[in-house]
Protein backbone atom coordinates (compact mmCIF):
# COMPACT_ATOMS: atom_id res chain seq x y z
CA MET A 1 0.00 0.00 0.00
CA ALA A 2 1.34 3.40 -0.97
CA CYS A 3 1.92 5.90 1.82
CA LYS A 4 -0.50 8.79 1.95
CA LEU A 5 1.31 11.80 0.53
CA VAL A 6 1.78 14.90 2.62
CA PRO A 7 -0.80 17.50 1.50
CA PHE A 8 0.62 20.59 -0.16
CA LEU A 9 -0.95 23.73 1.28
CA PRO A 10 -0.13 26.76 -0.90
CA GLN A 11 -2.06 29.37 1.09
CA ALA A 12 0.18 32.37 1.71
CA SER A 13 -1.64 33.06 4.98
CA VAL A 14 -0.54 29.74 6.48
CA THR A 15 2.75 29.74 8.36
CA ALA A 16 4.11 26.36 9.39
CA ARG A 17 7.63 27.21 10.55
CA MET A 18 9.14 25.04 13.24
CA GLY A 19 11.94 26.16 15.51
CA VAL A 20 15.37 24.53 15.28
CA GLU A 21 17.19 23.55 18.47
CA ALA A 22 20.70 24.83 17.81
CA ASN A 23 22.47 23.37 20.86
CA VAL A 24 21.71 19.66 20.49
CA THR A 25 24.72 17.33 20.57
CA GLU A 26 25.04 14.31 18.32
CA ALA A 27 24.58 12.03 21.35
CA GLU A 28 21.37 13.84 22.30
CA ALA A 29 20.12 13.58 18.72
CA GLU A 30 20.71 9.82 18.82
CA VAL A 31 18.44 9.59 21.87
CA ASN A 32 15.80 11.86 20.35
CA VAL A 33 15.72 10.02 17.00
CA ALA A 34 15.93 6.43 18.14
CA ASN A 35 14.00 4.85 15.28
CA VAL A 36 16.71 5.33 12.63
CA ARG A 37 18.60 2.31 11.37
CA GLN A 38 22.37 2.20 11.79
CA GLY A 39 23.98 4.34 9.11
CA GLY A 40 21.20 6.93 8.97
CA SER A 41 18.47 5.07 7.07
CA TRP A 42 14.71 5.02 7.56
CA TRP A 43 11.64 3.98 5.62
CA PRO A 44 7.97 3.59 6.55
CA GLU A 45 7.12 0.06 7.63
CA ASN A 46 3.38 0.02 6.99
CA CYS A 47 3.25 1.52 3.50
CA THR A 48 5.37 2.08 0.42
CA ALA A 49 7.32 5.36 0.41
CA PRO A 50 6.55 7.74 -2.47
CA TRP A 51 10.26 8.29 -3.15
CA SER A 52 13.67 6.95 -2.18
CA VAL A 53 16.08 9.80 -1.48
CA ALA A 54 19.80 9.99 -0.67
CA VAL A 55 20.81 13.08 1.30
CA VAL A 56 24.42 14.10 0.59
CA VAL A 57 26.10 16.47 3.07
CA PRO A 58 29.59 17.90 2.34
CA TYR A 59 31.44 18.20 5.64
CA ARG A 60 34.56 19.38 7.42
CA ASP A 61 35.10 21.07 10.81
CA ARG A 62 31.42 21.60 11.65
CA GLU A 63 31.04 19.18 14.57
CA HIS A 64 28.76 21.50 16.56
CA MET A 65 26.23 21.43 13.70
CA ILE A 66 25.86 17.65 13.43
CA GLY A 67 23.45 17.36 16.37
CA PRO A 68 21.06 20.20 15.41
CA PHE A 69 21.06 19.18 11.75
CA LEU A 70 20.26 15.50 12.32
CA ASN A 71 17.93 16.11 15.25
CA HIS A 72 15.74 18.17 12.96
CA LEU A 73 16.19 16.59 9.53
CA HIS A 74 15.39 12.99 10.43
CA PRO A 75 11.89 13.72 11.82
CA PHE A 76 11.32 16.18 8.96
CA LEU A 77 11.99 13.48 6.33
CA GLN A 78 10.02 10.85 8.25
CA ARG A 79 6.92 13.04 8.37
CA GLN A 80 7.14 13.09 4.56
CA MET A 81 7.15 9.26 4.58
CA LEU A 82 10.34 9.03 2.54
CA ASN A 83 12.68 6.08 2.17
CA TYR A 84 15.98 7.84 2.79
CA SER A 85 19.58 7.66 3.95
CA ILE A 86 21.86 10.50 5.06
CA TYR A 87 25.48 10.49 3.87
CA PHE A 88 28.20 12.82 5.14
CA VAL A 89 31.21 13.25 2.87
CA GLU A 90 34.15 14.51 4.91
CA GLN A 91 37.23 15.92 3.21
CA SER A 92 40.49 14.99 4.91
CA ALA A 93 42.95 17.65 6.00
CA GLY A 94 45.62 19.00 3.69
CA LYS A 95 43.76 20.81 0.92
CA THR A 96 41.37 23.74 0.73
CA PHE A 97 37.76 22.63 1.10
CA ASN A 98 36.06 21.67 -2.17
CA LYS A 99 32.33 21.40 -1.54
CA ALA A 100 31.33 20.61 -5.13
CA MET A 101 33.80 17.76 -5.47
CA LEU A 102 32.44 16.28 -2.23
CA LEU A 103 28.94 16.46 -3.71
CA ASN A 104 30.14 14.49 -6.74
CA ILE A 105 31.79 11.94 -4.45
CA GLY A 106 28.70 11.69 -2.28
CA TYR A 107 26.55 11.13 -5.34
CA LYS A 108 28.78 8.30 -6.58
CA GLN A 109 29.09 6.62 -3.17
CA ALA A 110 25.37 6.90 -2.45
CA GLN A 111 24.54 5.67 -5.95
CA ALA A 112 26.54 2.52 -5.23
CA GLU A 113 24.34 1.88 -2.18
CA GLY A 114 21.07 2.67 -3.97
CA PRO A 115 19.11 2.69 -6.13
CA TRP A 116 17.71 6.11 -5.28
CA ASP A 117 15.01 8.06 -7.09
CA CYS A 118 16.75 11.35 -6.42
CA TYR A 119 19.51 13.04 -4.43
CA VAL A 120 19.38 15.98 -2.04
CA PHE A 121 22.58 18.03 -1.80
CA HIS A 122 22.44 19.68 1.60
CA ASP A 123 24.69 22.12 3.46
CA ILE A 124 24.92 21.19 7.13
CA ASP A 125 24.27 24.76 8.28
CA CYS A 126 20.95 24.93 6.41
CA VAL A 127 17.94 23.42 8.24
CA PRO A 128 14.39 23.31 6.77
CA GLU A 129 11.62 24.79 8.89
CA ASP A 130 8.38 24.01 7.07
CA ASP A 131 6.85 20.57 6.50
CA ARG A 132 5.24 21.80 3.28
CA ASN A 133 8.74 22.02 1.79
CA LEU A 134 8.57 18.54 0.30
CA TYR A 135 11.80 16.71 -0.46
CA TYR A 136 10.02 14.83 -3.24
CA CYS A 137 11.60 14.10 -6.62
CA SER A 138 10.84 16.50 -9.45
CA SER A 139 10.80 16.44 -13.23
CA GLN A 140 13.23 19.37 -13.12
CA PRO A 141 16.06 20.21 -10.68
CA ARG A 142 14.69 21.85 -7.53
CA HIS A 143 16.30 24.57 -5.44
CA LEU A 144 15.10 23.80 -1.91
CA ALA A 145 16.69 26.48 0.31
CA VAL A 146 14.80 29.40 -1.21
CA SER A 147 14.41 31.71 1.77
CA PRO A 148 16.85 31.39 4.70
CA ASP A 149 16.34 33.45 7.84
CA LYS A 150 19.80 34.95 7.28
CA PHE A 151 18.40 36.85 4.27
CA GLY A 152 15.13 37.87 5.89
CA TYR A 153 13.28 34.84 4.49
CA LYS A 154 13.84 36.08 0.95
CA LEU A 155 15.60 34.58 -2.05
CA PHE A 156 19.20 35.85 -1.92
CA TYR A 157 19.35 36.46 -5.69
CA PRO A 158 17.38 35.13 -8.69
CA THR A 159 19.94 32.55 -9.86
CA CYS A 160 20.75 31.22 -6.39
CA PHE A 161 21.04 27.42 -6.16
CA GLY A 162 22.84 27.14 -2.82
CA GLY A 163 22.02 25.75 0.62
CA ALA A 164 20.01 22.70 -0.43
CA SER A 165 18.95 21.34 -3.80
CA LEU A 166 17.42 18.20 -5.26
CA MET A 167 18.12 16.39 -8.51
CA SER A 168 17.41 12.98 -9.98
CA GLY A 169 20.20 10.74 -11.17
CA TRP A 170 19.53 11.40 -14.84
CA GLN A 171 19.56 15.17 -14.23
CA ILE A 172 22.91 14.93 -12.45
CA GLU A 173 24.39 12.80 -15.21
CA ARG A 174 23.05 15.12 -17.89
CA VAL A 175 24.97 18.10 -16.48
CA ASN A 176 28.07 15.97 -15.71
CA GLY A 177 27.62 16.55 -11.98
CA TRP A 178 29.23 19.45 -10.18
CA SER A 179 32.49 21.14 -11.07
CA ASN A 180 35.65 19.80 -9.41
CA ARG A 181 37.54 23.10 -9.71
CA TYR A 182 36.10 25.26 -6.92
CA PHE A 183 38.45 25.23 -3.94
CA GLY A 184 37.27 27.60 -1.20
CA TRP A 185 33.91 29.28 -0.67
CA GLY A 186 31.57 30.32 -3.46
CA GLY A 187 30.84 29.80 -7.13
CA GLU A 188 30.03 26.09 -7.32
CA ASP A 189 26.27 26.54 -6.93
CA ASP A 190 26.17 29.25 -9.62
CA ASP A 191 28.18 26.93 -11.84
CA MET A 192 25.51 24.26 -11.38
CA TRP A 193 22.78 26.77 -12.25
CA ASP A 194 24.55 27.44 -15.56
CA ARG A 195 24.95 23.73 -16.27
CA ILE A 196 21.26 23.07 -15.70
CA HIS A 197 20.16 25.79 -18.10
CA ALA A 198 22.81 24.89 -20.67
CA GLU A 199 21.18 21.45 -20.85
CA GLY A 200 17.73 22.90 -21.46
CA MET A 201 16.38 22.28 -17.98
CA GLU A 202 14.97 24.79 -15.53
CA VAL A 203 15.11 25.20 -11.77
CA LYS A 204 11.89 24.73 -9.81
CA ARG A 205 11.21 26.30 -6.41
CA TYR A 206 8.50 26.28 -3.78
CA PRO A 207 7.27 29.73 -2.71
CA GLU A 208 9.39 31.78 -0.31
CA TYR A 209 6.87 31.43 2.51
CA ILE A 210 7.19 27.62 2.34
CA ALA A 211 10.87 26.97 1.52
CA THR A 212 12.16 28.63 4.71
CA TYR A 213 15.39 27.64 6.45
CA THR A 214 17.26 28.31 9.66
CA MET A 215 20.96 28.99 9.08
CA LEU A 216 23.17 27.63 11.87
CA LYS A 217 25.84 30.11 12.89
CA HIS A 218 29.54 29.61 12.12
CA ALA A 219 32.64 31.57 11.15
CA GLU A 220 32.62 32.81 7.56
CA ALA A 221 34.71 30.74 5.16
CA GLU A 222 37.49 32.16 3.03
CA PRO A 223 36.13 33.10 -0.43
CA ASN A 224 37.57 31.49 -3.53
CA PRO A 225 39.41 34.31 -5.32
CA GLU A 226 39.13 32.48 -8.64
CA ARG A 227 35.37 31.83 -8.53
CA TYR A 228 34.35 34.53 -11.02
CA GLU A 229 37.03 33.49 -13.48
CA LEU A 230 35.90 29.86 -13.21
CA LEU A 231 32.25 30.82 -13.63
CA ALA A 232 33.07 32.61 -16.87
CA GLN A 233 34.35 29.26 -18.23
CA THR A 234 31.41 27.06 -17.17
CA LEU A 235 29.60 26.82 -20.49
CA SER A 236 32.76 25.94 -22.38
CA SER A 237 34.18 23.51 -19.80
CA TYR A 238 31.38 21.68 -17.96
CA LYS A 239 31.30 18.70 -20.31
CA ASN A 240 34.93 18.00 -19.37
CA ASP A 241 34.76 18.99 -15.70
CA GLY A 242 32.63 16.95 -13.33
CA LEU A 243 31.72 13.31 -12.88
CA ASN A 244 33.83 12.26 -15.85
CA THR A 245 36.98 13.83 -14.33
CA LEU A 246 36.34 12.92 -10.68
CA ASN A 247 39.36 11.49 -8.87
CA TYR A 248 39.44 10.66 -5.17
CA THR A 249 40.40 8.04 -2.61
CA LEU A 250 37.88 6.65 -0.15
CA ALA A 251 39.84 6.51 3.11
CA SER A 252 37.09 5.00 5.27
CA THR A 253 33.36 4.39 5.63
CA THR A 254 31.81 4.75 9.08
CA ARG A 255 28.23 3.78 9.92
CA ARG A 256 27.18 6.14 12.70
CA GLN A 257 23.74 5.77 14.26
CA LEU A 258 22.23 8.73 12.40
CA TYR A 259 24.37 8.89 9.24
CA THR A 260 27.01 7.18 7.15
CA LYS A 261 30.29 9.05 6.84
CA PHE A 262 32.68 8.73 3.88
CA LEU A 263 36.12 10.12 4.68
CA VAL A 264 37.80 10.97 1.40
CA GLU A 265 41.11 12.29 0.09
CA ILE A 266 41.01 14.53 -2.97
């Protein structure tokens, strides 16, 4: 029997924001979310989930965010009756952080443990507030984190694709995944926006009053000084920069109670 889908309520007058507990430890989250299978998986037992979803989280040096993120996201996904697993992809020390490459790696590693209907690419500091923000697969790529509290619950800029997004496997393959060339903060999400439109697809969004997010506080990252130069090359280079040029070493796989962690060297 198929699970009853969560009703979508588009009324602008309805506010369904839920607060995010920002001081929860990972150990406390494990107690609070005790129904998750080892490695961060869950699926409804009494009905068939509408979608199977892999959540990919690029990670390094954000330990204080693990508890709040998982404490909130697991119940959020379960209320949507999804079959899901959460994967952290941690970059080892030694090189400047490369978020987009970790997303490619997470996609490939999660794909090997699938099959999955679609993939959510999720920053750990970005926590959804509204149950009407459905993490359901879409015929077009979906930008999920439309209106974070940090920006007054407004879209940061029209071509924004950052924070959290959702794509199916064929959509990811069509754009050759994410770029592997963005070391440091910024640019990789705009690069993906350009890839999507270059392949004749469009980005879907829920309304701002539904796709609201709490941003967990942390020190600002060092911007990538080459991001604008790289962005100018996206349309001419994306077919030869992405999944087909991905190179990494999987150092370890750890099955934590609330997530699976891939430690990788790039």
